[in-house]
Every structure is written in C-alpha cells, then in structure tokens.
N, C-alpha and C. Protein backbone atom coordinates (compact mmCIF):
# COMPACT_ATOMS: atom_id res chain seq x y z
N GLN A 1 5.67 -28.39 -9.29
CA GLN A 1 3.99 -28.13 -9.24
C GLN A 1 4.36 -26.68 -9.18
N VAL A 2 3.62 -25.67 -9.37
CA VAL A 2 3.31 -24.20 -10.03
C VAL A 2 3.28 -23.61 -8.92
N ARG A 3 4.47 -22.70 -8.17
CA ARG A 3 3.72 -21.51 -7.21
C ARG A 3 2.77 -20.14 -7.96
N LEU A 4 2.20 -19.96 -7.24
CA LEU A 4 0.93 -18.76 -7.59
C LEU A 4 0.78 -17.92 -6.97
N VAL A 5 0.37 -16.23 -7.32
CA VAL A 5 0.50 -15.11 -6.17
C VAL A 5 -0.42 -14.58 -7.35
N GLU A 6 -1.63 -14.35 -6.41
CA GLU A 6 -2.77 -13.20 -7.26
C GLU A 6 -2.36 -12.07 -6.99
N SER A 7 -2.83 -10.67 -7.36
CA SER A 7 -2.20 -9.74 -6.93
C SER A 7 -3.49 -8.90 -7.24
N GLY A 8 -3.85 -7.46 -6.90
CA GLY A 8 -4.36 -6.31 -8.11
C GLY A 8 -6.02 -6.28 -7.22
N GLY A 9 -6.11 -6.92 -6.55
CA GLY A 9 -7.80 -6.73 -5.46
C GLY A 9 -7.66 -5.83 -4.75
N GLY A 10 -9.09 -5.32 -4.41
CA GLY A 10 -9.06 -4.19 -3.82
C GLY A 10 -10.57 -4.14 -3.58
N LEU A 11 -10.53 -2.39 -3.14
CA LEU A 11 -12.19 -2.11 -3.02
C LEU A 11 -12.60 -1.07 -3.87
N VAL A 12 -13.50 -1.27 -5.15
CA VAL A 12 -14.19 -0.44 -5.88
C VAL A 12 -15.35 -0.24 -5.90
N GLN A 13 -16.37 0.72 -6.69
CA GLN A 13 -17.16 1.32 -6.42
C GLN A 13 -17.97 0.52 -7.40
N ALA A 14 -19.80 -0.16 -7.64
CA ALA A 14 -19.95 -0.67 -8.60
C ALA A 14 -20.22 -0.08 -9.56
N GLY A 15 -20.19 -1.01 -11.04
CA GLY A 15 -19.76 0.13 -11.71
C GLY A 15 -18.12 0.46 -12.79
N GLY A 16 -17.10 0.01 -11.88
CA GLY A 16 -15.71 0.11 -11.78
C GLY A 16 -15.15 -0.70 -12.44
N SER A 17 -13.82 -0.68 -12.19
CA SER A 17 -13.09 -1.57 -13.07
C SER A 17 -11.94 -2.03 -11.83
N LEU A 18 -11.25 -2.81 -12.65
CA LEU A 18 -10.34 -3.92 -11.73
C LEU A 18 -9.44 -5.23 -12.16
N ARG A 19 -7.78 -4.90 -12.74
CA ARG A 19 -7.10 -6.07 -13.03
C ARG A 19 -6.86 -6.86 -12.43
N LEU A 20 -6.50 -7.91 -12.16
CA LEU A 20 -6.26 -8.48 -11.19
C LEU A 20 -5.11 -9.50 -12.44
N SER A 21 -3.70 -10.81 -11.51
CA SER A 21 -2.48 -10.63 -11.99
C SER A 21 -2.26 -12.09 -11.05
N CYS A 22 -2.06 -12.77 -11.70
CA CYS A 22 -1.64 -13.89 -10.76
C CYS A 22 -0.12 -14.15 -11.82
N ALA A 23 0.93 -14.49 -11.16
CA ALA A 23 2.22 -14.28 -11.23
C ALA A 23 2.77 -15.82 -10.74
N ALA A 24 3.30 -16.88 -11.99
CA ALA A 24 3.64 -18.03 -11.49
C ALA A 24 5.30 -18.06 -11.34
N SER A 25 5.08 -19.25 -11.00
CA SER A 25 6.75 -19.40 -10.65
C SER A 25 7.40 -20.54 -11.50
N GLY A 26 8.07 -20.96 -12.07
CA GLY A 26 8.94 -21.94 -12.68
C GLY A 26 8.87 -21.66 -13.99
N ARG A 27 9.14 -22.88 -15.21
CA ARG A 27 9.16 -22.29 -16.45
C ARG A 27 8.59 -23.16 -17.63
N THR A 28 7.62 -23.39 -16.85
CA THR A 28 6.31 -24.39 -17.62
C THR A 28 5.23 -23.87 -17.75
N PHE A 29 5.05 -22.73 -17.41
CA PHE A 29 3.95 -22.01 -16.69
C PHE A 29 2.80 -22.07 -18.32
N SER A 30 4.04 -21.72 -19.33
CA SER A 30 3.25 -21.88 -21.16
C SER A 30 2.70 -22.93 -21.38
N SER A 31 3.06 -24.30 -20.29
CA SER A 31 2.67 -25.40 -20.75
C SER A 31 0.74 -26.06 -20.33
N TYR A 32 0.18 -25.09 -19.58
CA TYR A 32 -0.92 -24.92 -19.08
C TYR A 32 -2.06 -24.39 -19.39
N ASP A 33 -3.13 -24.86 -19.48
CA ASP A 33 -4.31 -24.56 -18.82
C ASP A 33 -4.36 -23.56 -17.47
N MET A 34 -5.14 -22.43 -17.89
CA MET A 34 -5.03 -21.58 -16.39
C MET A 34 -6.45 -21.48 -16.21
N GLY A 35 -6.67 -21.41 -14.97
CA GLY A 35 -8.26 -20.33 -14.42
C GLY A 35 -8.60 -19.78 -13.16
N TRP A 36 -9.55 -18.98 -13.58
CA TRP A 36 -10.01 -17.78 -12.20
C TRP A 36 -11.48 -18.45 -11.58
N PHE A 37 -11.03 -18.93 -9.83
CA PHE A 37 -12.16 -19.09 -9.33
C PHE A 37 -12.39 -17.87 -8.50
N ARG A 38 -13.79 -17.99 -7.55
CA ARG A 38 -13.75 -17.48 -6.52
C ARG A 38 -14.55 -17.59 -5.16
N GLN A 39 -14.45 -16.98 -3.97
CA GLN A 39 -15.83 -18.01 -3.32
C GLN A 39 -15.53 -17.29 -1.91
N ASN A 40 -16.77 -16.61 -1.18
CA ASN A 40 -16.86 -16.24 -0.16
C ASN A 40 -17.03 -17.29 1.17
N PRO A 41 -17.16 -16.90 1.95
CA PRO A 41 -17.23 -17.61 3.70
C PRO A 41 -18.68 -18.33 3.28
N GLY A 42 -18.56 -19.26 3.57
CA GLY A 42 -19.91 -20.28 3.85
C GLY A 42 -20.04 -20.90 2.53
N LYS A 43 -19.50 -20.53 1.44
CA LYS A 43 -19.96 -20.79 0.34
C LYS A 43 -18.87 -21.55 -0.66
N GLU A 44 -19.42 -21.97 -2.01
CA GLU A 44 -18.86 -23.33 -2.71
C GLU A 44 -17.69 -22.02 -3.47
N ARG A 45 -16.10 -22.85 -3.87
CA ARG A 45 -15.79 -22.01 -4.82
C ARG A 45 -16.26 -22.34 -6.46
N GLU A 46 -16.39 -20.68 -6.99
CA GLU A 46 -17.04 -20.75 -8.18
C GLU A 46 -15.94 -20.49 -9.12
N PHE A 47 -16.81 -21.40 -10.04
CA PHE A 47 -15.66 -21.14 -11.68
C PHE A 47 -16.04 -19.59 -11.78
N VAL A 48 -14.94 -18.81 -12.84
CA VAL A 48 -15.25 -17.48 -13.25
C VAL A 48 -15.10 -17.76 -14.35
N ALA A 49 -13.25 -18.21 -14.63
CA ALA A 49 -12.66 -18.11 -16.17
C ALA A 49 -11.57 -18.91 -16.39
N ALA A 50 -11.67 -19.63 -17.73
CA ALA A 50 -10.51 -20.68 -17.65
C ALA A 50 -9.12 -19.73 -19.16
N ILE A 51 -8.30 -20.28 -19.55
CA ILE A 51 -8.22 -19.73 -20.86
C ILE A 51 -7.28 -21.11 -21.05
N ASN A 52 -6.61 -21.48 -22.46
CA ASN A 52 -6.03 -22.47 -22.66
C ASN A 52 -4.35 -22.14 -22.50
N TRP A 53 -3.18 -23.29 -22.56
CA TRP A 53 -2.58 -22.58 -22.65
C TRP A 53 -1.47 -21.44 -23.21
N TYR A 54 -2.21 -21.34 -24.95
CA TYR A 54 -1.64 -20.33 -25.37
C TYR A 54 -2.55 -19.51 -26.06
N GLY A 55 -3.63 -19.07 -24.84
CA GLY A 55 -4.36 -17.89 -25.22
C GLY A 55 -5.73 -18.25 -26.20
N GLY A 56 -5.54 -19.31 -27.22
CA GLY A 56 -6.58 -18.99 -28.16
C GLY A 56 -7.76 -19.71 -28.11
N SER A 57 -8.40 -19.80 -26.63
CA SER A 57 -9.55 -20.54 -26.69
C SER A 57 -9.77 -19.68 -24.86
N THR A 58 -10.84 -19.80 -24.37
CA THR A 58 -11.37 -19.67 -23.16
C THR A 58 -13.02 -19.70 -22.76
N ASN A 59 -13.71 -20.08 -21.60
CA ASN A 59 -14.60 -20.25 -21.23
C ASN A 59 -15.06 -19.52 -20.00
N TYR A 60 -16.01 -18.79 -19.90
CA TYR A 60 -16.58 -18.07 -18.61
C TYR A 60 -17.93 -18.47 -18.15
N ALA A 61 -17.90 -18.15 -16.97
CA ALA A 61 -19.17 -18.78 -16.43
C ALA A 61 -20.36 -17.09 -17.16
N ASP A 62 -21.41 -17.85 -16.56
CA ASP A 62 -22.62 -16.94 -17.49
C ASP A 62 -22.54 -15.57 -16.72
N SER A 63 -22.48 -15.54 -15.24
CA SER A 63 -22.42 -14.25 -14.65
C SER A 63 -21.29 -13.30 -15.23
N VAL A 64 -20.30 -13.52 -15.46
CA VAL A 64 -19.30 -12.85 -15.75
C VAL A 64 -19.22 -12.31 -17.06
N LYS A 65 -19.96 -13.58 -18.18
CA LYS A 65 -19.37 -13.04 -19.75
C LYS A 65 -19.85 -11.51 -20.21
N GLY A 66 -19.21 -11.31 -20.92
CA GLY A 66 -18.99 -9.71 -21.40
C GLY A 66 -18.91 -8.47 -20.81
N ARG A 67 -18.45 -9.22 -19.21
CA ARG A 67 -17.64 -8.10 -18.29
C ARG A 67 -16.44 -8.45 -18.24
N PHE A 68 -15.73 -9.78 -17.77
CA PHE A 68 -14.91 -9.88 -17.55
C PHE A 68 -13.85 -10.71 -18.58
N THR A 69 -12.61 -10.34 -18.64
CA THR A 69 -11.66 -11.18 -19.75
C THR A 69 -10.67 -11.74 -18.92
N ILE A 70 -10.41 -13.02 -19.35
CA ILE A 70 -8.93 -13.63 -18.81
C ILE A 70 -8.04 -13.59 -20.13
N SER A 71 -7.10 -12.88 -19.69
CA SER A 71 -6.00 -13.14 -20.76
C SER A 71 -4.03 -13.93 -19.94
N ARG A 72 -3.44 -14.08 -20.88
CA ARG A 72 -2.55 -14.20 -20.43
C ARG A 72 -0.68 -13.94 -20.98
N ASP A 73 0.15 -13.95 -20.55
CA ASP A 73 1.59 -13.27 -20.82
C ASP A 73 1.89 -14.42 -20.85
N ASN A 74 2.50 -15.37 -21.34
CA ASN A 74 3.70 -16.44 -21.15
C ASN A 74 4.64 -15.90 -21.19
N ALA A 75 5.25 -15.12 -22.13
CA ALA A 75 6.76 -14.28 -21.66
C ALA A 75 6.86 -14.06 -20.34
N LYS A 76 5.65 -13.52 -19.43
CA LYS A 76 5.97 -13.12 -18.00
C LYS A 76 5.40 -13.97 -17.28
N ASN A 77 4.86 -15.28 -17.06
CA ASN A 77 4.48 -16.14 -16.28
C ASN A 77 3.10 -15.69 -16.06
N THR A 78 2.25 -14.69 -16.56
CA THR A 78 1.39 -13.94 -15.78
C THR A 78 -0.07 -13.92 -16.27
N LEU A 79 -1.13 -14.29 -15.98
CA LEU A 79 -2.03 -14.43 -15.88
C LEU A 79 -3.13 -13.48 -15.51
N TYR A 80 -3.98 -13.04 -16.29
CA TYR A 80 -4.67 -11.63 -15.92
C TYR A 80 -5.96 -12.03 -15.92
N LEU A 81 -7.14 -11.29 -15.45
CA LEU A 81 -8.56 -10.95 -15.18
C LEU A 81 -8.70 -9.42 -15.07
N GLN A 82 -9.27 -9.08 -16.00
CA GLN A 82 -9.65 -7.96 -16.49
C GLN A 82 -11.18 -7.33 -16.04
N MET A 83 -11.41 -7.20 -15.07
CA MET A 83 -12.68 -7.05 -14.77
C MET A 83 -13.32 -5.48 -14.87
N ASN A 84 -14.72 -5.44 -15.98
CA ASN A 84 -15.21 -4.29 -15.47
C ASN A 84 -16.94 -4.17 -15.42
N SER A 85 -17.29 -2.97 -14.87
CA SER A 85 -18.41 -2.87 -14.68
C SER A 85 -18.61 -4.01 -13.94
N LEU A 86 -18.32 -3.72 -12.59
CA LEU A 86 -18.17 -5.00 -11.33
C LEU A 86 -19.45 -4.49 -11.02
N LYS A 87 -20.25 -5.44 -10.30
CA LYS A 87 -21.37 -5.26 -9.51
C LYS A 87 -21.21 -6.05 -7.79
N PRO A 88 -21.75 -5.47 -6.55
CA PRO A 88 -21.50 -5.81 -5.92
C PRO A 88 -21.88 -7.72 -5.35
N GLU A 89 -22.11 -8.36 -6.29
CA GLU A 89 -22.35 -9.69 -5.81
C GLU A 89 -20.89 -10.66 -6.89
N ASP A 90 -19.97 -9.58 -6.90
CA ASP A 90 -18.74 -10.32 -7.67
C ASP A 90 -17.58 -10.12 -6.55
N THR A 91 -18.40 -9.30 -5.44
CA THR A 91 -17.44 -9.16 -3.90
C THR A 91 -17.01 -10.76 -3.51
N ALA A 92 -15.70 -10.83 -3.51
CA ALA A 92 -15.25 -12.82 -3.39
C ALA A 92 -13.90 -12.50 -2.58
N VAL A 93 -13.47 -13.69 -2.92
CA VAL A 93 -11.70 -13.84 -2.88
C VAL A 93 -11.39 -14.08 -4.02
N TYR A 94 -10.72 -13.68 -5.40
CA TYR A 94 -10.65 -14.52 -6.31
C TYR A 94 -8.92 -15.46 -6.02
N TYR A 95 -9.45 -16.77 -7.19
CA TYR A 95 -8.26 -17.32 -6.95
C TYR A 95 -7.75 -17.98 -8.47
N CYS A 96 -6.47 -17.82 -8.51
CA CYS A 96 -5.87 -18.50 -10.02
C CYS A 96 -5.26 -20.32 -9.67
N ALA A 97 -5.85 -20.72 -10.72
CA ALA A 97 -5.03 -21.93 -10.41
C ALA A 97 -4.83 -22.81 -11.88
N VAL A 98 -4.11 -23.53 -11.81
CA VAL A 98 -3.35 -24.43 -12.68
C VAL A 98 -4.84 -25.11 -13.40
N GLY A 99 -5.10 -25.47 -14.65
CA GLY A 99 -5.89 -26.73 -15.38
C GLY A 99 -5.25 -27.73 -15.60
N MET A 100 -5.89 -28.83 -15.58
CA MET A 100 -5.16 -30.26 -15.67
C MET A 100 -5.95 -31.05 -17.94
N GLY A 101 -6.29 -29.57 -17.94
CA GLY A 101 -6.72 -29.75 -19.28
C GLY A 101 -8.23 -29.58 -19.77
N GLY A 102 -9.04 -29.03 -20.57
CA GLY A 102 -9.93 -28.72 -21.22
C GLY A 102 -11.33 -27.51 -20.85
N LEU A 103 -10.58 -27.02 -20.25
CA LEU A 103 -11.00 -25.49 -19.75
C LEU A 103 -12.37 -25.81 -19.09
N SER A 104 -12.02 -26.94 -18.09
CA SER A 104 -13.48 -27.30 -17.30
C SER A 104 -13.72 -26.00 -16.63
N ARG A 105 -15.14 -26.56 -16.12
CA ARG A 105 -15.89 -24.82 -14.74
C ARG A 105 -15.90 -26.60 -13.76
N SER A 106 -15.00 -27.01 -13.59
CA SER A 106 -14.50 -28.00 -12.30
C SER A 106 -13.62 -27.84 -11.21
N ARG A 107 -14.11 -27.14 -9.63
CA ARG A 107 -13.04 -27.05 -9.01
C ARG A 107 -11.91 -28.25 -9.39
N SER A 108 -12.50 -28.97 -9.10
CA SER A 108 -11.58 -30.42 -9.15
C SER A 108 -10.89 -31.27 -9.86
N ALA A 109 -11.38 -29.91 -11.31
CA ALA A 109 -10.22 -30.39 -12.38
C ALA A 109 -9.13 -29.02 -12.49
N TYR A 110 -8.92 -28.72 -11.52
CA TYR A 110 -7.76 -27.33 -11.16
C TYR A 110 -6.38 -27.58 -9.70
N ARG A 111 -5.30 -27.09 -9.90
CA ARG A 111 -4.13 -28.06 -8.86
C ARG A 111 -3.86 -26.59 -8.84
N ASP A 112 -2.94 -26.25 -7.71
CA ASP A 112 -1.90 -25.65 -7.55
C ASP A 112 -2.42 -24.26 -6.87
N TRP A 113 -3.20 -24.32 -6.24
CA TRP A 113 -4.08 -22.74 -6.04
C TRP A 113 -3.09 -22.04 -5.15
N GLY A 114 -3.25 -20.44 -5.74
CA GLY A 114 -2.83 -19.55 -4.91
C GLY A 114 -3.54 -19.25 -3.75
N GLN A 115 -3.00 -18.28 -3.24
CA GLN A 115 -3.16 -17.38 -1.62
C GLN A 115 -5.22 -16.23 -2.24
N GLY A 116 -5.27 -16.14 -2.82
CA GLY A 116 -6.32 -15.49 -3.44
C GLY A 116 -6.04 -13.96 -3.07
N THR A 117 -6.89 -13.00 -3.11
CA THR A 117 -6.95 -11.89 -3.65
C THR A 117 -8.52 -11.19 -3.41
N GLN A 118 -8.57 -10.46 -2.43
CA GLN A 118 -10.43 -9.83 -2.26
C GLN A 118 -10.41 -8.88 -3.12
N VAL A 119 -11.50 -9.27 -3.41
CA VAL A 119 -12.31 -8.08 -4.00
C VAL A 119 -13.19 -8.20 -3.76
N THR A 120 -13.44 -6.60 -3.22
CA THR A 120 -15.14 -5.40 -2.95
C THR A 120 -15.54 -4.54 -3.31
N VAL A 121 -16.87 -4.25 -3.78
CA VAL A 121 -17.54 -3.97 -4.95
C VAL A 121 -18.43 -3.36 -3.55
N SER A 122 -18.42 -2.15 -3.82
CA SER A 122 -19.39 -1.26 -2.63
C SER A 122 -20.59 -0.95 -3.71
N SER A 123 -22.39 -0.93 -3.41
CA SER A 123 -23.04 -0.38 -3.91
C SER A 123 -23.37 1.09 -4.06
C-alpha cells in the first residue's frame, strides 16, 4: 500500500493558476501509474488526469486538456498537477491515487487514495 498526501490547494480567482502536489510514501512510487481525480459534494468523483510510471505517457479529461499538466518526479516520490486558466467549474476537492494500469479514466482502476485538497476558483 502507498500512502498519499495531497497539498497545494487554495482559493484563486478565475484565470489564475495553482500547482497541486501529491507526496507518496514508500520506495515503489516509481513503479506505479498515477492519477488525479476531483469531486464535489453529492457528485461522482471524476477523472482529471493520469500519468504512467515513468512520465512518458499521459491522459486528460476533455474538460482540462490544454489547461492542466500532470507530471511526476520519481526521485522525490511526488506527483504534480499544474492547473492554469482556472475556471469556477474547476472548484472541487482534488485527490491523487495509484493506478492499476492503463491510464484508465475509471475510478475503479485506482486505489490508495489520498485525503484530498480543496481547490476553490472564484468568478
């Protein structure tokens, strides 16, 4: 099991930027695909982005493509999500998770979820 801790959320105006981090425990982080999801109260947790184990392949939700960038630093056991041109509809709690292969967009293909970090975008 991998322990994940997200950070970097906050309040930002529309059009602004934030960078989320996800710190992973353990020496096996570099072996795993990773993903970012987000969720609002009463709604399903939705896929945002995924990256393969060495960072050579990525997958994005259509709603964030061209604005968000997922990356990782395996030497630091850290996953990132750079979010630019933020919109009010990006407001959510953002979670990172370990992927079980294939850069899936399905929540069921991920495990070891972090506790989440709140992102609020004001209009």
